[in-house]
Amino acid sequence: EYGALGTEHQWRHLATAMQAAGHSPELQDLTGRFAVEMAVWAI
């Protein structure tokens, strides 16, 4: 909710999404897909 512009935000979003994917099986597909999309944009 703080935005997705800037490397710091993108890195935090990626790290948080990857952690959420590992801890919540019901959100694994959603957070995993978000992490991939954010990674492509961030890189």
PDB file of all heavy atoms in Angstrom:
ATOM      1  N   GLU A   1       0.816  -1.220   0.000  1.00  0.00           N
ATOM      2  CA  GLU A   1       0.000   0.000   0.000  1.00  0.00           C
ATOM      3  C   GLU A   1       0.852   1.274   0.000  1.00  0.00           C
ATOM      4  O   GLU A   1       0.341   2.353  -0.270  1.00  0.00           O
ATOM      5  CB  GLU A   1      -0.968   0.012   1.177  1.00  0.00           C
ATOM      6  CG  GLU A   1      -0.304   0.137   2.527  1.00  0.00           C
ATOM      7  CD  GLU A   1      -1.293   0.027   3.675  1.00  0.00           C
ATOM      8  OE1 GLU A   1      -1.923  -1.038   3.805  1.00  0.00           O
ATOM      9  OE2 GLU A   1      -1.426   1.004   4.418  1.00  0.00           O
ATOM     10  N   TYR A   2       2.139   1.168   0.255  1.00  0.00           N
ATOM     11  CA  TYR A   2       3.015   2.338   0.238  1.00  0.00           C
ATOM     12  C   TYR A   2       3.554   2.644  -1.149  1.00  0.00           C
ATOM     13  O   TYR A   2       4.274   3.615  -1.329  1.00  0.00           O
ATOM     14  CB  TYR A   2       4.182   2.147   1.205  1.00  0.00           C
ATOM     15  CG  TYR A   2       3.748   1.951   2.632  1.00  0.00           C
ATOM     16  CD1 TYR A   2       4.113   0.818   3.332  1.00  0.00           C
ATOM     17  CD2 TYR A   2       2.951   2.885   3.266  1.00  0.00           C
ATOM     18  CE1 TYR A   2       3.697   0.624   4.635  1.00  0.00           C
ATOM     19  CE2 TYR A   2       2.523   2.697   4.563  1.00  0.00           C
ATOM     20  CZ  TYR A   2       2.902   1.564   5.250  1.00  0.00           C
ATOM     21  OH  TYR A   2       2.490   1.374   6.534  1.00  0.00           O
ATOM     22  N   GLY A   3       3.225   1.834  -2.110  1.00  0.00           N
ATOM     23  CA  GLY A   3       3.680   2.058  -3.478  1.00  0.00           C
ATOM     24  C   GLY A   3       4.703   1.027  -3.901  1.00  0.00           C
ATOM     25  O   GLY A   3       5.231   0.280  -3.081  1.00  0.00           O
ATOM     26  N   ALA A   4       4.967   0.996  -5.195  1.00  0.00           N
ATOM     27  CA  ALA A   4       5.887  -0.008  -5.723  1.00  0.00           C
ATOM     28  C   ALA A   4       7.014   0.604  -6.527  1.00  0.00           C
ATOM     29  O   ALA A   4       7.729  -0.103  -7.214  1.00  0.00           O
ATOM     30  CB  ALA A   4       5.110  -1.009  -6.579  1.00  0.00           C
ATOM     31  N   LEU A   5       7.170   1.921  -6.454  1.00  0.00           N
ATOM     32  CA  LEU A   5       8.264   2.552  -7.164  1.00  0.00           C
ATOM     33  C   LEU A   5       9.488   2.613  -6.273  1.00  0.00           C
ATOM     34  O   LEU A   5       9.376   2.862  -5.069  1.00  0.00           O
ATOM     35  CB  LEU A   5       7.878   3.965  -7.618  1.00  0.00           C
ATOM     36  CG  LEU A   5       6.739   4.034  -8.631  1.00  0.00           C
ATOM     37  CD1 LEU A   5       6.429   5.487  -8.966  1.00  0.00           C
ATOM     38  CD2 LEU A   5       7.078   3.275  -9.894  1.00  0.00           C
ATOM     39  N   GLY A   6      10.638   2.375  -6.851  1.00  0.00           N
ATOM     40  CA  GLY A   6      11.883   2.431  -6.100  1.00  0.00           C
ATOM     41  C   GLY A   6      12.356   1.053  -5.687  1.00  0.00           C
ATOM     42  O   GLY A   6      11.571   0.184  -5.308  1.00  0.00           O
ATOM     43  N   THR A   7      13.639   0.874  -5.765  1.00  0.00           N
ATOM     44  CA  THR A   7      14.245  -0.425  -5.486  1.00  0.00           C
ATOM     45  C   THR A   7      13.968  -0.910  -4.069  1.00  0.00           C
ATOM     46  O   THR A   7      13.705  -2.088  -3.849  1.00  0.00           O
ATOM     47  CB  THR A   7      15.764  -0.351  -5.729  1.00  0.00           C
ATOM     48  OG1 THR A   7      15.974   0.108  -7.065  1.00  0.00           O
ATOM     49  CG2 THR A   7      16.415  -1.707  -5.573  1.00  0.00           C
ATOM     50  N   GLU A   8      14.000  -0.014  -3.087  1.00  0.00           N
ATOM     51  CA  GLU A   8      13.755  -0.435  -1.704  1.00  0.00           C
ATOM     52  C   GLU A   8      12.356  -1.022  -1.533  1.00  0.00           C
ATOM     53  O   GLU A   8      12.185  -2.062  -0.908  1.00  0.00           O
ATOM     54  CB  GLU A   8      13.959   0.744  -0.746  1.00  0.00           C
ATOM     55  CG  GLU A   8      15.398   1.133  -0.564  1.00  0.00           C
ATOM     56  CD  GLU A   8      16.256   0.015   0.011  1.00  0.00           C
ATOM     57  OE1 GLU A   8      15.825  -0.665   0.962  1.00  0.00           O
ATOM     58  OE2 GLU A   8      17.357  -0.189  -0.509  1.00  0.00           O
ATOM     59  N   HIS A   9      11.346  -0.335  -2.094  1.00  0.00           N
ATOM     60  CA  HIS A   9       9.981  -0.853  -2.000  1.00  0.00           C
ATOM     61  C   HIS A   9       9.861  -2.179  -2.741  1.00  0.00           C
ATOM     62  O   HIS A   9       9.274  -3.128  -2.230  1.00  0.00           O
ATOM     63  CB  HIS A   9       8.973   0.146  -2.574  1.00  0.00           C
ATOM     64  CG  HIS A   9       8.680   1.299  -1.690  1.00  0.00           C
ATOM     65  ND1 HIS A   9       8.325   1.180  -0.370  1.00  0.00           N
ATOM     66  CD2 HIS A   9       8.689   2.626  -1.943  1.00  0.00           C
ATOM     67  CE1 HIS A   9       8.129   2.358   0.153  1.00  0.00           C
ATOM     68  NE2 HIS A   9       8.352   3.267  -0.779  1.00  0.00           N
ATOM     69  N   GLN A  10      10.403  -2.249  -3.927  1.00  0.00           N
ATOM     70  CA  GLN A  10      10.297  -3.468  -4.717  1.00  0.00           C
ATOM     71  C   GLN A  10      10.966  -4.637  -3.997  1.00  0.00           C
ATOM     72  O   GLN A  10      10.421  -5.738  -3.934  1.00  0.00           O
ATOM     73  CB  GLN A  10      10.910  -3.254  -6.097  1.00  0.00           C
ATOM     74  CG  GLN A  10      10.138  -2.258  -6.928  1.00  0.00           C
ATOM     75  CD  GLN A  10      10.928  -1.704  -8.097  1.00  0.00           C
ATOM     76  OE1 GLN A  10      12.136  -1.871  -8.184  1.00  0.00           O
ATOM     77  NE2 GLN A  10      10.244  -1.040  -8.998  1.00  0.00           N
ATOM     78  N   TRP A  11      12.135  -4.385  -3.429  1.00  0.00           N
ATOM     79  CA  TRP A  11      12.847  -5.453  -2.722  1.00  0.00           C
ATOM     80  C   TRP A  11      12.033  -5.918  -1.513  1.00  0.00           C
ATOM     81  O   TRP A  11      11.891  -7.113  -1.268  1.00  0.00           O
ATOM     82  CB  TRP A  11      14.229  -4.947  -2.294  1.00  0.00           C
ATOM     83  CG  TRP A  11      15.036  -6.003  -1.638  1.00  0.00           C
ATOM     84  CD1 TRP A  11      15.805  -6.944  -2.254  1.00  0.00           C
ATOM     85  CD2 TRP A  11      15.140  -6.262  -0.237  1.00  0.00           C
ATOM     86  NE1 TRP A  11      16.389  -7.767  -1.316  1.00  0.00           N
ATOM     87  CE2 TRP A  11      15.989  -7.360  -0.076  1.00  0.00           C
ATOM     88  CE3 TRP A  11      14.596  -5.670   0.884  1.00  0.00           C
ATOM     89  CZ2 TRP A  11      16.311  -7.883   1.172  1.00  0.00           C
ATOM     90  CZ3 TRP A  11      14.911  -6.186   2.131  1.00  0.00           C
ATOM     91  CH2 TRP A  11      15.758  -7.281   2.251  1.00  0.00           C
ATOM     92  N   ARG A  12      11.475  -4.969  -0.749  1.00  0.00           N
ATOM     93  CA  ARG A  12      10.660  -5.346   0.417  1.00  0.00           C
ATOM     94  C   ARG A  12       9.424  -6.139   0.001  1.00  0.00           C
ATOM     95  O   ARG A  12       9.062  -7.113   0.655  1.00  0.00           O
ATOM     96  CB  ARG A  12      10.221  -4.092   1.180  1.00  0.00           C
ATOM     97  CG  ARG A  12      11.204  -3.653   2.181  1.00  0.00           C
ATOM     98  CD  ARG A  12      10.612  -2.599   3.127  1.00  0.00           C
ATOM     99  NE  ARG A  12      11.717  -1.887   3.714  1.00  0.00           N
ATOM    100  CZ  ARG A  12      12.189  -0.727   3.267  1.00  0.00           C
ATOM    101  NH1 ARG A  12      11.613  -0.128   2.258  1.00  0.00           N
ATOM    102  NH2 ARG A  12      13.211  -0.150   3.847  1.00  0.00           N
ATOM    103  N   HIS A  13       8.760  -5.701  -1.066  1.00  0.00           N
ATOM    104  CA  HIS A  13       7.571  -6.417  -1.533  1.00  0.00           C
ATOM    105  C   HIS A  13       7.916  -7.839  -1.951  1.00  0.00           C
ATOM    106  O   HIS A  13       7.205  -8.785  -1.616  1.00  0.00           O
ATOM    107  CB  HIS A  13       6.918  -5.703  -2.713  1.00  0.00           C
ATOM    108  CG  HIS A  13       6.439  -4.313  -2.421  1.00  0.00           C
ATOM    109  ND1 HIS A  13       6.090  -3.873  -1.169  1.00  0.00           N
ATOM    110  CD2 HIS A  13       6.262  -3.263  -3.247  1.00  0.00           C
ATOM    111  CE1 HIS A  13       5.709  -2.619  -1.226  1.00  0.00           C
ATOM    112  NE2 HIS A  13       5.809  -2.221  -2.481  1.00  0.00           N
ATOM    113  N   LEU A  14       9.010  -7.993  -2.672  1.00  0.00           N
ATOM    114  CA  LEU A  14       9.450  -9.321  -3.107  1.00  0.00           C
ATOM    115  C   LEU A  14       9.750 -10.220  -1.911  1.00  0.00           C
ATOM    116  O   LEU A  14       9.297 -11.365  -1.854  1.00  0.00           O
ATOM    117  CB  LEU A  14      10.709  -9.201  -3.962  1.00  0.00           C
ATOM    118  CG  LEU A  14      10.488  -9.006  -5.440  1.00  0.00           C
ATOM    119  CD1 LEU A  14      11.767  -8.534  -6.103  1.00  0.00           C
ATOM    120  CD2 LEU A  14      10.040 -10.300  -6.053  1.00  0.00           C
ATOM    121  N   ALA A  15      10.529  -9.706  -0.985  1.00  0.00           N
ATOM    122  CA  ALA A  15      10.908 -10.501   0.183  1.00  0.00           C
ATOM    123  C   ALA A  15       9.681 -10.886   1.002  1.00  0.00           C
ATOM    124  O   ALA A  15       9.543 -12.040   1.434  1.00  0.00           O
ATOM    125  CB  ALA A  15      11.910  -9.731   1.038  1.00  0.00           C
ATOM    126  N   THR A  16       8.758  -9.939   1.195  1.00  0.00           N
ATOM    127  CA  THR A  16       7.545 -10.212   1.967  1.00  0.00           C
ATOM    128  C   THR A  16       6.655 -11.218   1.261  1.00  0.00           C
ATOM    129  O   THR A  16       6.114 -12.129   1.890  1.00  0.00           O
ATOM    130  CB  THR A  16       6.771  -8.901   2.224  1.00  0.00           C
ATOM    131  OG1 THR A  16       7.641  -7.968   2.872  1.00  0.00           O
ATOM    132  CG2 THR A  16       5.558  -9.136   3.101  1.00  0.00           C
ATOM    133  N   ALA A  17       6.502 -11.074  -0.051  1.00  0.00           N
ATOM    134  CA  ALA A  17       5.675 -12.019  -0.813  1.00  0.00           C
ATOM    135  C   ALA A  17       6.259 -13.420  -0.764  1.00  0.00           C
ATOM    136  O   ALA A  17       5.522 -14.407  -0.622  1.00  0.00           O
ATOM    137  CB  ALA A  17       5.526 -11.549  -2.260  1.00  0.00           C
ATOM    138  N   MET A  18       7.571 -13.532  -0.872  1.00  0.00           N
ATOM    139  CA  MET A  18       8.206 -14.849  -0.819  1.00  0.00           C
ATOM    140  C   MET A  18       8.029 -15.486   0.556  1.00  0.00           C
ATOM    141  O   MET A  18       7.807 -16.700   0.666  1.00  0.00           O
ATOM    142  CB  MET A  18       9.672 -14.742  -1.210  1.00  0.00           C
ATOM    143  CG  MET A  18       9.846 -14.409  -2.688  1.00  0.00           C
ATOM    144  SD  MET A  18      11.532 -14.021  -3.170  1.00  0.00           S
ATOM    145  CE  MET A  18      12.328 -15.613  -3.006  1.00  0.00           C
ATOM    146  N   GLN A  19       8.120 -14.683   1.619  1.00  0.00           N
ATOM    147  CA  GLN A  19       7.893 -15.208   2.972  1.00  0.00           C
ATOM    148  C   GLN A  19       6.442 -15.654   3.129  1.00  0.00           C
ATOM    149  O   GLN A  19       6.175 -16.713   3.690  1.00  0.00           O
ATOM    150  CB  GLN A  19       8.231 -14.156   4.018  1.00  0.00           C
ATOM    151  CG  GLN A  19       9.709 -13.903   4.161  1.00  0.00           C
ATOM    152  CD  GLN A  19       9.997 -12.738   5.095  1.00  0.00           C
ATOM    153  OE1 GLN A  19       9.108 -11.980   5.485  1.00  0.00           O
ATOM    154  NE2 GLN A  19      11.257 -12.583   5.452  1.00  0.00           N
ATOM    155  N   ALA A  20       5.506 -14.831   2.645  1.00  0.00           N
ATOM    156  CA  ALA A  20       4.084 -15.178   2.753  1.00  0.00           C
ATOM    157  C   ALA A  20       3.776 -16.458   1.985  1.00  0.00           C
ATOM    158  O   ALA A  20       2.996 -17.287   2.447  1.00  0.00           O
ATOM    159  CB  ALA A  20       3.216 -14.026   2.240  1.00  0.00           C
ATOM    160  N   ALA A  21       4.390 -16.626   0.824  1.00  0.00           N
ATOM    161  CA  ALA A  21       4.170 -17.841   0.031  1.00  0.00           C
ATOM    162  C   ALA A  21       4.631 -19.072   0.792  1.00  0.00           C
ATOM    163  O   ALA A  21       4.006 -20.129   0.712  1.00  0.00           O
ATOM    164  CB  ALA A  21       4.891 -17.736  -1.305  1.00  0.00           C
ATOM    165  N   GLY A  22       5.702 -18.940   1.551  1.00  0.00           N
ATOM    166  CA  GLY A  22       6.217 -20.076   2.307  1.00  0.00           C
ATOM    167  C   GLY A  22       5.430 -20.391   3.566  1.00  0.00           C
ATOM    168  O   GLY A  22       5.458 -21.509   4.050  1.00  0.00           O
ATOM    169  N   HIS A  23       4.694 -19.402   4.090  1.00  0.00           N
ATOM    170  CA  HIS A  23       3.977 -19.594   5.349  1.00  0.00           C
ATOM    171  C   HIS A  23       2.479 -19.800   5.200  1.00  0.00           C
ATOM    172  O   HIS A  23       1.818 -20.174   6.165  1.00  0.00           O
ATOM    173  CB  HIS A  23       4.209 -18.386   6.272  1.00  0.00           C
ATOM    174  CG  HIS A  23       5.614 -18.308   6.763  1.00  0.00           C
ATOM    175  ND1 HIS A  23       6.436 -17.254   6.494  1.00  0.00           N
ATOM    176  CD2 HIS A  23       6.359 -19.168   7.489  1.00  0.00           C
ATOM    177  CE1 HIS A  23       7.618 -17.459   7.032  1.00  0.00           C
ATOM    178  NE2 HIS A  23       7.603 -18.619   7.630  1.00  0.00           N
ATOM    179  N   SER A  24       1.954 -19.536   4.033  1.00  0.00           N
ATOM    180  CA  SER A  24       0.512 -19.623   3.848  1.00  0.00           C
ATOM    181  C   SER A  24       0.184 -20.404   2.579  1.00  0.00           C
ATOM    182  O   SER A  24       0.148 -19.835   1.493  1.00  0.00           O
ATOM    183  CB  SER A  24      -0.077 -18.206   3.775  1.00  0.00           C
ATOM    184  OG  SER A  24      -1.456 -18.259   3.581  1.00  0.00           O
ATOM    185  N   PRO A  25      -0.096 -21.705   2.720  1.00  0.00           N
ATOM    186  CA  PRO A  25      -0.371 -22.517   1.527  1.00  0.00           C
ATOM    187  C   PRO A  25      -1.548 -21.995   0.696  1.00  0.00           C
ATOM    188  O   PRO A  25      -1.523 -22.077  -0.526  1.00  0.00           O
ATOM    189  CB  PRO A  25      -0.684 -23.898   2.098  1.00  0.00           C
ATOM    190  CG  PRO A  25      -0.059 -23.919   3.440  1.00  0.00           C
ATOM    191  CD  PRO A  25      -0.098 -22.503   3.937  1.00  0.00           C
ATOM    192  N   GLU A  26      -2.565 -21.428   1.361  1.00  0.00           N
ATOM    193  CA  GLU A  26      -3.723 -20.943   0.610  1.00  0.00           C
ATOM    194  C   GLU A  26      -3.413 -19.686  -0.205  1.00  0.00           C
ATOM    195  O   GLU A  26      -4.087 -19.379  -1.171  1.00  0.00           O
ATOM    196  CB  GLU A  26      -4.930 -20.688   1.529  1.00  0.00           C
ATOM    197  CG  GLU A  26      -4.740 -19.604   2.571  1.00  0.00           C
ATOM    198  CD  GLU A  26      -4.093 -20.107   3.860  1.00  0.00           C
ATOM    199  OE1 GLU A  26      -3.785 -21.294   3.977  1.00  0.00           O
ATOM    200  OE2 GLU A  26      -3.893 -19.272   4.760  1.00  0.00           O
ATOM    201  N   LEU A  27      -2.352 -18.970   0.170  1.00  0.00           N
ATOM    202  CA  LEU A  27      -1.944 -17.778  -0.582  1.00  0.00           C
ATOM    203  C   LEU A  27      -0.716 -18.019  -1.454  1.00  0.00           C
ATOM    204  O   LEU A  27      -0.229 -17.101  -2.090  1.00  0.00           O
ATOM    205  CB  LEU A  27      -1.650 -16.621   0.375  1.00  0.00           C
ATOM    206  CG  LEU A  27      -2.841 -16.024   1.120  1.00  0.00           C
ATOM    207  CD1 LEU A  27      -2.372 -14.969   2.098  1.00  0.00           C
ATOM    208  CD2 LEU A  27      -3.846 -15.445   0.145  1.00  0.00           C
ATOM    209  N   GLN A  28      -0.222 -19.236  -1.473  1.00  0.00           N
ATOM    210  CA  GLN A  28       1.033 -19.523  -2.161  1.00  0.00           C
ATOM    211  C   GLN A  28       0.984 -19.175  -3.649  1.00  0.00           C
ATOM    212  O   GLN A  28       1.897 -18.551  -4.172  1.00  0.00           O
ATOM    213  CB  GLN A  28       1.401 -20.990  -1.975  1.00  0.00           C
ATOM    214  CG  GLN A  28       2.782 -21.311  -2.470  1.00  0.00           C
ATOM    215  CD  GLN A  28       3.214 -22.701  -2.048  1.00  0.00           C
ATOM    216  OE1 GLN A  28       2.399 -23.519  -1.664  1.00  0.00           O
ATOM    217  NE2 GLN A  28       4.494 -22.958  -2.135  1.00  0.00           N
ATOM    218  N   ASP A  29      -0.078 -19.539  -4.337  1.00  0.00           N
ATOM    219  CA  ASP A  29      -0.170 -19.242  -5.772  1.00  0.00           C
ATOM    220  C   ASP A  29      -0.231 -17.729  -6.013  1.00  0.00           C
ATOM    221  O   ASP A  29       0.460 -17.203  -6.886  1.00  0.00           O
ATOM    222  CB  ASP A  29      -1.384 -19.915  -6.396  1.00  0.00           C
ATOM    223  CG  ASP A  29      -1.217 -21.419  -6.519  1.00  0.00           C
ATOM    224  OD1 ASP A  29      -0.060 -21.903  -6.494  1.00  0.00           O
ATOM    225  OD2 ASP A  29      -2.236 -22.115  -6.630  1.00  0.00           O
ATOM    226  N   LEU A  30      -1.067 -17.036  -5.237  1.00  0.00           N
ATOM    227  CA  LEU A  30      -1.244 -15.597  -5.418  1.00  0.00           C
ATOM    228  C   LEU A  30       0.035 -14.829  -5.107  1.00  0.00           C
ATOM    229  O   LEU A  30       0.487 -14.014  -5.913  1.00  0.00           O
ATOM    230  CB  LEU A  30      -2.390 -15.094  -4.531  1.00  0.00           C
ATOM    231  CG  LEU A  30      -2.665 -13.598  -4.564  1.00  0.00           C
ATOM    232  CD1 LEU A  30      -3.129 -13.165  -5.948  1.00  0.00           C
ATOM    233  CD2 LEU A  30      -3.696 -13.236  -3.508  1.00  0.00           C
ATOM    234  N   THR A  31       0.645 -15.097  -3.963  1.00  0.00           N
ATOM    235  CA  THR A  31       1.857 -14.366  -3.591  1.00  0.00           C
ATOM    236  C   THR A  31       3.039 -14.780  -4.460  1.00  0.00           C
ATOM    237  O   THR A  31       3.901 -13.967  -4.768  1.00  0.00           O
ATOM    238  CB  THR A  31       2.190 -14.551  -2.101  1.00  0.00           C
ATOM    239  OG1 THR A  31       2.272 -15.946  -1.801  1.00  0.00           O
ATOM    240  CG2 THR A  31       1.159 -13.887  -1.219  1.00  0.00           C
ATOM    241  N   GLY A  32       3.066 -16.026  -4.872  1.00  0.00           N
ATOM    242  CA  GLY A  32       4.133 -16.472  -5.773  1.00  0.00           C
ATOM    243  C   GLY A  32       4.045 -15.783  -7.126  1.00  0.00           C
ATOM    244  O   GLY A  32       5.050 -15.335  -7.671  1.00  0.00           O
ATOM    245  N   ARG A  33       2.829 -15.674  -7.650  1.00  0.00           N
ATOM    246  CA  ARG A  33       2.648 -14.990  -8.935  1.00  0.00           C
ATOM    247  C   ARG A  33       2.981 -13.506  -8.803  1.00  0.00           C
ATOM    248  O   ARG A  33       3.630 -12.920  -9.665  1.00  0.00           O
ATOM    249  CB  ARG A  33       1.226 -15.171  -9.433  1.00  0.00           C
ATOM    250  CG  ARG A  33       1.049 -14.688 -10.861  1.00  0.00           C
ATOM    251  CD  ARG A  33      -0.320 -15.002 -11.364  1.00  0.00           C
ATOM    252  NE  ARG A  33      -1.289 -14.225 -10.603  1.00  0.00           N
ATOM    253  CZ  ARG A  33      -2.299 -13.573 -11.146  1.00  0.00           C
ATOM    254  NH1 ARG A  33      -2.508 -13.616 -12.428  1.00  0.00           N
ATOM    255  NH2 ARG A  33      -3.126 -12.882 -10.404  1.00  0.00           N
ATOM    256  N   PHE A  34       2.564 -12.901  -7.681  1.00  0.00           N
ATOM    257  CA  PHE A  34       2.894 -11.497  -7.443  1.00  0.00           C
ATOM    258  C   PHE A  34       4.407 -11.314  -7.372  1.00  0.00           C
ATOM    259  O   PHE A  34       4.956 -10.366  -7.940  1.00  0.00           O
ATOM    260  CB  PHE A  34       2.250 -10.995  -6.147  1.00  0.00           C
ATOM    261  CG  PHE A  34       2.754  -9.651  -5.732  1.00  0.00           C
ATOM    262  CD1 PHE A  34       2.323  -8.500  -6.377  1.00  0.00           C
ATOM    263  CD2 PHE A  34       3.685  -9.543  -4.715  1.00  0.00           C
ATOM    264  CE1 PHE A  34       2.816  -7.254  -5.996  1.00  0.00           C
ATOM    265  CE2 PHE A  34       4.173  -8.307  -4.339  1.00  0.00           C
ATOM    266  CZ  PHE A  34       3.737  -7.157  -4.976  1.00  0.00           C
ATOM    267  N   ALA A  35       5.104 -12.212  -6.673  1.00  0.00           N
ATOM    268  CA  ALA A  35       6.562 -12.110  -6.543  1.00  0.00           C
ATOM    269  C   ALA A  35       7.234 -12.181  -7.911  1.00  0.00           C
ATOM    270  O   ALA A  35       8.161 -11.412  -8.190  1.00  0.00           O
ATOM    271  CB  ALA A  35       7.096 -13.204  -5.620  1.00  0.00           C
ATOM    272  N   VAL A  36       6.774 -13.072  -8.765  1.00  0.00           N
ATOM    273  CA  VAL A  36       7.353 -13.177 -10.105  1.00  0.00           C
ATOM    274  C   VAL A  36       7.104 -11.893 -10.888  1.00  0.00           C
ATOM    275  O   VAL A  36       8.019 -11.346 -11.514  1.00  0.00           O
ATOM    276  CB  VAL A  36       6.785 -14.408 -10.856  1.00  0.00           C
ATOM    277  CG1 VAL A  36       7.157 -14.363 -12.328  1.00  0.00           C
ATOM    278  CG2 VAL A  36       7.295 -15.692 -10.212  1.00  0.00           C
ATOM    279  N   GLU A  37       5.874 -11.384 -10.839  1.00  0.00           N
ATOM    280  CA  GLU A  37       5.548 -10.153 -11.562  1.00  0.00           C
ATOM    281  C   GLU A  37       6.377  -8.977 -11.041  1.00  0.00           C
ATOM    282  O   GLU A  37       6.897  -8.185 -11.833  1.00  0.00           O
ATOM    283  CB  GLU A  37       4.052  -9.840 -11.436  1.00  0.00           C
ATOM    284  CG  GLU A  37       3.150 -10.847 -12.099  1.00  0.00           C
ATOM    285  CD  GLU A  37       3.200 -10.775 -13.605  1.00  0.00           C
ATOM    286  OE1 GLU A  37       3.459  -9.698 -14.156  1.00  0.00           O
ATOM    287  OE2 GLU A  37       2.965 -11.815 -14.240  1.00  0.00           O
ATOM    288  N   MET A  38       6.497  -8.856  -9.737  1.00  0.00           N
ATOM    289  CA  MET A  38       7.277  -7.764  -9.148  1.00  0.00           C
ATOM    290  C   MET A  38       8.757  -7.920  -9.490  1.00  0.00           C
ATOM    291  O   MET A  38       9.454  -6.941  -9.764  1.00  0.00           O
ATOM    292  CB  MET A  38       7.080  -7.717  -7.630  1.00  0.00           C
ATOM    293  CG  MET A  38       7.827  -6.597  -6.928  1.00  0.00           C
ATOM    294  SD  MET A  38       7.396  -4.912  -7.457  1.00  0.00           S
ATOM    295  CE  MET A  38       5.750  -4.760  -6.832  1.00  0.00           C
ATOM    296  N   ALA A  39       9.252  -9.154  -9.501  1.00  0.00           N
ATOM    297  CA  ALA A  39      10.665  -9.393  -9.829  1.00  0.00           C
ATOM    298  C   ALA A  39      10.970  -8.979 -11.261  1.00  0.00           C
ATOM    299  O   ALA A  39      11.995  -8.339 -11.517  1.00  0.00           O
ATOM    300  CB  ALA A  39      11.011 -10.864  -9.622  1.00  0.00           C
ATOM    301  N   VAL A  40      10.079  -9.324 -12.184  1.00  0.00           N
ATOM    302  CA  VAL A  40      10.297  -8.954 -13.582  1.00  0.00           C
ATOM    303  C   VAL A  40      10.333  -7.431 -13.715  1.00  0.00           C
ATOM    304  O   VAL A  40      11.191  -6.876 -14.406  1.00  0.00           O
ATOM    305  CB  VAL A  40       9.208  -9.583 -14.485  1.00  0.00           C
ATOM    306  CG1 VAL A  40       9.250  -9.002 -15.884  1.00  0.00           C
ATOM    307  CG2 VAL A  40       9.374 -11.095 -14.521  1.00  0.00           C
ATOM    308  N   TRP A  41       9.422  -6.758 -13.042  1.00  0.00           N
ATOM    309  CA  TRP A  41       9.376  -5.297 -13.114  1.00  0.00           C
ATOM    310  C   TRP A  41      10.604  -4.685 -12.440  1.00  0.00           C
ATOM    311  O   TRP A  41      11.257  -3.799 -12.971  1.00  0.00           O
ATOM    312  CB  TRP A  41       8.092  -4.803 -12.462  1.00  0.00           C
ATOM    313  CG  TRP A  41       7.894  -3.319 -12.519  1.00  0.00           C
ATOM    314  CD1 TRP A  41       8.357  -2.462 -13.478  1.00  0.00           C
ATOM    315  CD2 TRP A  41       7.203  -2.521 -11.587  1.00  0.00           C
ATOM    316  NE1 TRP A  41       7.969  -1.179 -13.192  1.00  0.00           N
ATOM    317  CE2 TRP A  41       7.257  -1.190 -12.034  1.00  0.00           C
ATOM    318  CE3 TRP A  41       6.511  -2.799 -10.414  1.00  0.00           C
ATOM    319  CZ2 TRP A  41       6.664  -0.139 -11.353  1.00  0.00           C
ATOM    320  CZ3 TRP A  41       5.917  -1.752  -9.736  1.00  0.00           C
ATOM    321  CH2 TRP A  41       5.998  -0.444 -10.198  1.00  0.00           C
ATOM    322  N   ALA A  42      10.938  -5.171 -11.250  1.00  0.00           N
ATOM    323  CA  ALA A  42      12.054  -4.606 -10.485  1.00  0.00           C
ATOM    324  C   ALA A  42      13.390  -4.791 -11.195  1.00  0.00           C
ATOM    325  O   ALA A  42      14.220  -3.875 -11.209  1.00  0.00           O
ATOM    326  CB  ALA A  42      12.103  -5.253  -9.100  1.00  0.00           C
ATOM    327  N   ILE A  43      13.600  -5.942 -11.786  1.00  0.00           N
ATOM    328  CA  ILE A  43      14.892  -6.200 -12.430  1.00  0.00           C
ATOM    329  C   ILE A  43      15.051  -5.344 -13.688  1.00  0.00           C
ATOM    330  O   ILE A  43      16.162  -4.993 -14.068  1.00  0.00           O
ATOM    331  CB  ILE A  43      15.095  -7.712 -12.707  1.00  0.00           C
ATOM    332  CG1 ILE A  43      16.575  -8.039 -12.752  1.00  0.00           C
ATOM    333  CG2 ILE A  43      14.417  -8.142 -13.975  1.00  0.00           C
ATOM    334  CD1 ILE A  43      17.287  -7.904 -11.454  1.00  0.00           C
TER     335      ILE A  43
END
